[in-house]
N, C-alpha and C. Protein backbone atom coordinates (compact mmCIF):
# COMPACT_ATOMS: atom_id res chain seq x y z
N MET A 1 53.62 -133.34 174.05
CA MET A 1 53.79 -132.84 175.40
C MET A 1 53.73 -131.31 175.33
N THR A 2 53.04 -130.74 176.26
CA THR A 2 52.96 -129.27 176.32
C THR A 2 54.03 -128.74 177.27
N VAL A 3 54.25 -127.44 177.24
CA VAL A 3 55.20 -126.81 178.15
C VAL A 3 54.79 -127.07 179.60
N ALA A 4 53.50 -126.97 179.89
CA ALA A 4 53.03 -127.21 181.26
C ALA A 4 53.34 -128.64 181.70
N GLN A 5 53.16 -129.61 180.81
CA GLN A 5 53.46 -131.00 181.14
C GLN A 5 54.96 -131.20 181.36
N LEU A 6 55.77 -130.57 180.53
CA LEU A 6 57.23 -130.67 180.68
C LEU A 6 57.68 -130.06 181.99
N ILE A 7 57.17 -128.89 182.32
CA ILE A 7 57.54 -128.23 183.57
C ILE A 7 57.15 -129.10 184.75
N GLU A 8 55.97 -129.68 184.72
CA GLU A 8 55.54 -130.53 185.83
C GLU A 8 56.43 -131.76 185.96
N ALA A 9 56.79 -132.38 184.85
CA ALA A 9 57.67 -133.55 184.90
C ALA A 9 59.04 -133.16 185.44
N LEU A 10 59.58 -132.03 184.99
CA LEU A 10 60.89 -131.58 185.46
C LEU A 10 60.85 -131.17 186.93
N ARG A 11 59.73 -130.64 187.37
CA ARG A 11 59.58 -130.21 188.77
C ARG A 11 59.77 -131.40 189.73
N GLN A 12 59.47 -132.60 189.26
CA GLN A 12 59.58 -133.79 190.09
C GLN A 12 61.00 -134.37 190.11
N MET A 13 61.90 -133.81 189.31
CA MET A 13 63.28 -134.31 189.21
C MET A 13 64.20 -133.51 190.14
N PRO A 14 65.35 -134.09 190.49
CA PRO A 14 66.32 -133.34 191.29
C PRO A 14 66.81 -132.11 190.51
N SER A 15 66.90 -130.97 191.18
CA SER A 15 67.24 -129.72 190.49
C SER A 15 68.66 -129.71 189.93
N GLU A 16 69.54 -130.57 190.45
CA GLU A 16 70.92 -130.60 189.95
C GLU A 16 71.11 -131.60 188.80
N ALA A 17 70.07 -132.31 188.42
CA ALA A 17 70.17 -133.30 187.34
C ALA A 17 70.40 -132.58 186.00
N VAL A 18 71.16 -133.22 185.12
CA VAL A 18 71.43 -132.70 183.78
C VAL A 18 70.34 -133.19 182.84
N VAL A 19 69.85 -132.31 181.97
CA VAL A 19 68.81 -132.68 181.02
C VAL A 19 69.47 -133.13 179.72
N LEU A 20 69.13 -134.36 179.30
CA LEU A 20 69.69 -134.93 178.07
C LEU A 20 68.57 -135.16 177.07
N LEU A 21 68.93 -135.15 175.80
CA LEU A 21 67.99 -135.43 174.73
C LEU A 21 68.49 -136.65 173.99
N GLU A 22 67.61 -137.63 173.81
CA GLU A 22 67.99 -138.86 173.12
C GLU A 22 67.71 -138.73 171.63
N GLY A 23 68.65 -139.19 170.82
CA GLY A 23 68.45 -139.18 169.38
C GLY A 23 69.48 -140.03 168.69
N ASP A 24 69.06 -140.81 167.71
CA ASP A 24 69.97 -141.67 166.94
C ASP A 24 70.81 -142.58 167.83
N GLY A 25 70.22 -143.08 168.90
CA GLY A 25 70.91 -144.02 169.78
C GLY A 25 71.96 -143.39 170.67
N ALA A 26 71.99 -142.07 170.76
CA ALA A 26 72.97 -141.38 171.61
C ALA A 26 72.24 -140.32 172.43
N PHE A 27 72.94 -139.76 173.40
CA PHE A 27 72.40 -138.71 174.25
C PHE A 27 73.25 -137.45 174.11
N ALA A 28 72.61 -136.29 174.20
CA ALA A 28 73.31 -135.01 174.17
C ALA A 28 72.66 -134.08 175.19
N ARG A 29 73.47 -133.22 175.79
CA ARG A 29 72.93 -132.25 176.75
C ARG A 29 72.07 -131.22 176.04
N VAL A 30 70.98 -130.85 176.68
CA VAL A 30 70.15 -129.76 176.17
C VAL A 30 70.89 -128.47 176.50
N ALA A 31 71.16 -127.67 175.46
CA ALA A 31 71.94 -126.45 175.63
C ALA A 31 71.12 -125.19 175.41
N GLY A 32 69.94 -125.33 174.84
CA GLY A 32 69.13 -124.14 174.59
C GLY A 32 67.66 -124.47 174.43
N VAL A 33 66.85 -123.46 174.65
CA VAL A 33 65.40 -123.57 174.51
C VAL A 33 64.93 -122.33 173.76
N ASN A 34 64.21 -122.54 172.66
CA ASN A 34 63.73 -121.41 171.86
C ASN A 34 62.24 -121.56 171.59
N LEU A 35 61.56 -120.44 171.53
CA LEU A 35 60.14 -120.42 171.20
C LEU A 35 59.99 -120.01 169.75
N GLU A 36 59.27 -120.82 168.98
CA GLU A 36 58.95 -120.50 167.59
C GLU A 36 57.46 -120.22 167.53
N LYS A 37 57.10 -118.97 167.28
CA LYS A 37 55.70 -118.59 167.18
C LYS A 37 55.11 -119.14 165.89
N SER A 38 53.91 -119.65 165.97
CA SER A 38 53.23 -120.18 164.80
C SER A 38 52.81 -119.04 163.88
N VAL A 39 53.06 -119.20 162.59
CA VAL A 39 52.63 -118.19 161.62
C VAL A 39 51.28 -118.57 161.01
N THR A 40 50.79 -119.76 161.34
CA THR A 40 49.52 -120.24 160.81
C THR A 40 48.46 -120.20 161.90
N ALA A 41 47.37 -119.52 161.63
CA ALA A 41 46.28 -119.43 162.61
C ALA A 41 45.78 -120.82 162.96
N GLY A 42 45.58 -121.06 164.24
CA GLY A 42 45.06 -122.34 164.70
C GLY A 42 46.11 -123.37 165.05
N LEU A 43 47.36 -123.15 164.63
CA LEU A 43 48.43 -124.08 164.99
C LEU A 43 49.17 -123.53 166.21
N PRO A 44 49.58 -124.41 167.12
CA PRO A 44 50.23 -123.93 168.35
C PRO A 44 51.66 -123.46 168.11
N ASP A 45 52.13 -122.60 169.00
CA ASP A 45 53.55 -122.24 169.01
C ASP A 45 54.33 -123.49 169.37
N GLU A 46 55.64 -123.49 169.09
CA GLU A 46 56.48 -124.65 169.39
C GLU A 46 57.69 -124.22 170.20
N VAL A 47 58.08 -125.07 171.14
CA VAL A 47 59.31 -124.89 171.90
C VAL A 47 60.33 -125.88 171.35
N ILE A 48 61.49 -125.38 170.95
CA ILE A 48 62.52 -126.23 170.36
C ILE A 48 63.70 -126.33 171.32
N LEU A 49 64.03 -127.58 171.68
CA LEU A 49 65.19 -127.84 172.52
C LEU A 49 66.38 -128.10 171.61
N SER A 50 67.49 -127.40 171.84
CA SER A 50 68.68 -127.63 171.04
C SER A 50 69.76 -128.26 171.91
N THR A 51 70.65 -129.01 171.27
CA THR A 51 71.69 -129.71 172.00
C THR A 51 73.04 -129.02 171.83
N ASP A 52 73.96 -129.41 172.68
CA ASP A 52 75.33 -128.93 172.59
C ASP A 52 76.00 -129.66 171.44
N ALA A 53 76.39 -128.93 170.41
CA ALA A 53 76.96 -129.55 169.20
C ALA A 53 78.31 -130.22 169.46
N GLU A 54 78.92 -129.97 170.61
CA GLU A 54 80.21 -130.55 170.91
C GLU A 54 80.12 -131.98 171.41
N GLU A 55 78.92 -132.44 171.73
CA GLU A 55 78.78 -133.80 172.26
C GLU A 55 78.42 -134.77 171.18
């Protein structure tokens, strides 16, 4: 999924909805978004979603 695809999908959701990330059979709130620039020519940059470690 690209950033543009994610933005479009989120645009269709209620603005007050909480964003959760599923992993290992559990859900956690998304607490941060970071951009990691690619150091290798030809590979895309990556957006990393991080969760709240307290959940």
